[in-house]
Amino acid sequence: MHAQQIIPTHPQAGGLANAALIACIEECYDCAQTCTACADACLGEEMVAKLTQCIRSCLDCADVCAATGALATRRTGSNQMLVGQMIELCEAACRLCAEECERHAAHMEHCRICAEACRMCEQACAQARQENFPTQH
């Protein structure tokens, strides 16, 4: 991704890029794509009726991650309280999705990969929240 390169070019960023926030943005977009792919793969499984909660968790997580990545990317007139709350929400969505996918990971590779991406995003969100929004938790 190009977040590390483009964010410092923003006139209001002053040439600086917060490494934890950049990592969070990149993990959010990666997780959104992975969760979308996992939900689609679940739809292709023969036991799709038993994967309803997994599909829902993946789609919810994908939407939250995409929205969080977009909000965290914006530098003009940033609403820090909203960004911090979205990052916290994303952390929770990733944790819940990872837990659900981990239930199926032993027999579905796409769920194992998705759980891994969710855990990585969860950790990146936690780090960004701790470094940038410590009073919001």
Foldseek 3Di string as FASTA:
>chain_A
DCLVPPLLVPPQNVNDDDVLLSQLLVLLQVLLVLLQVLLVVLVVDPVNVVCVVLNVLSNVLSVLSVVLSVLSSDDPPRDLLVNLVSLVVNLVSLVVNLVSLVVCVVPDVSSVVSSVSSVSSNVSSVSCNCVRPVVND
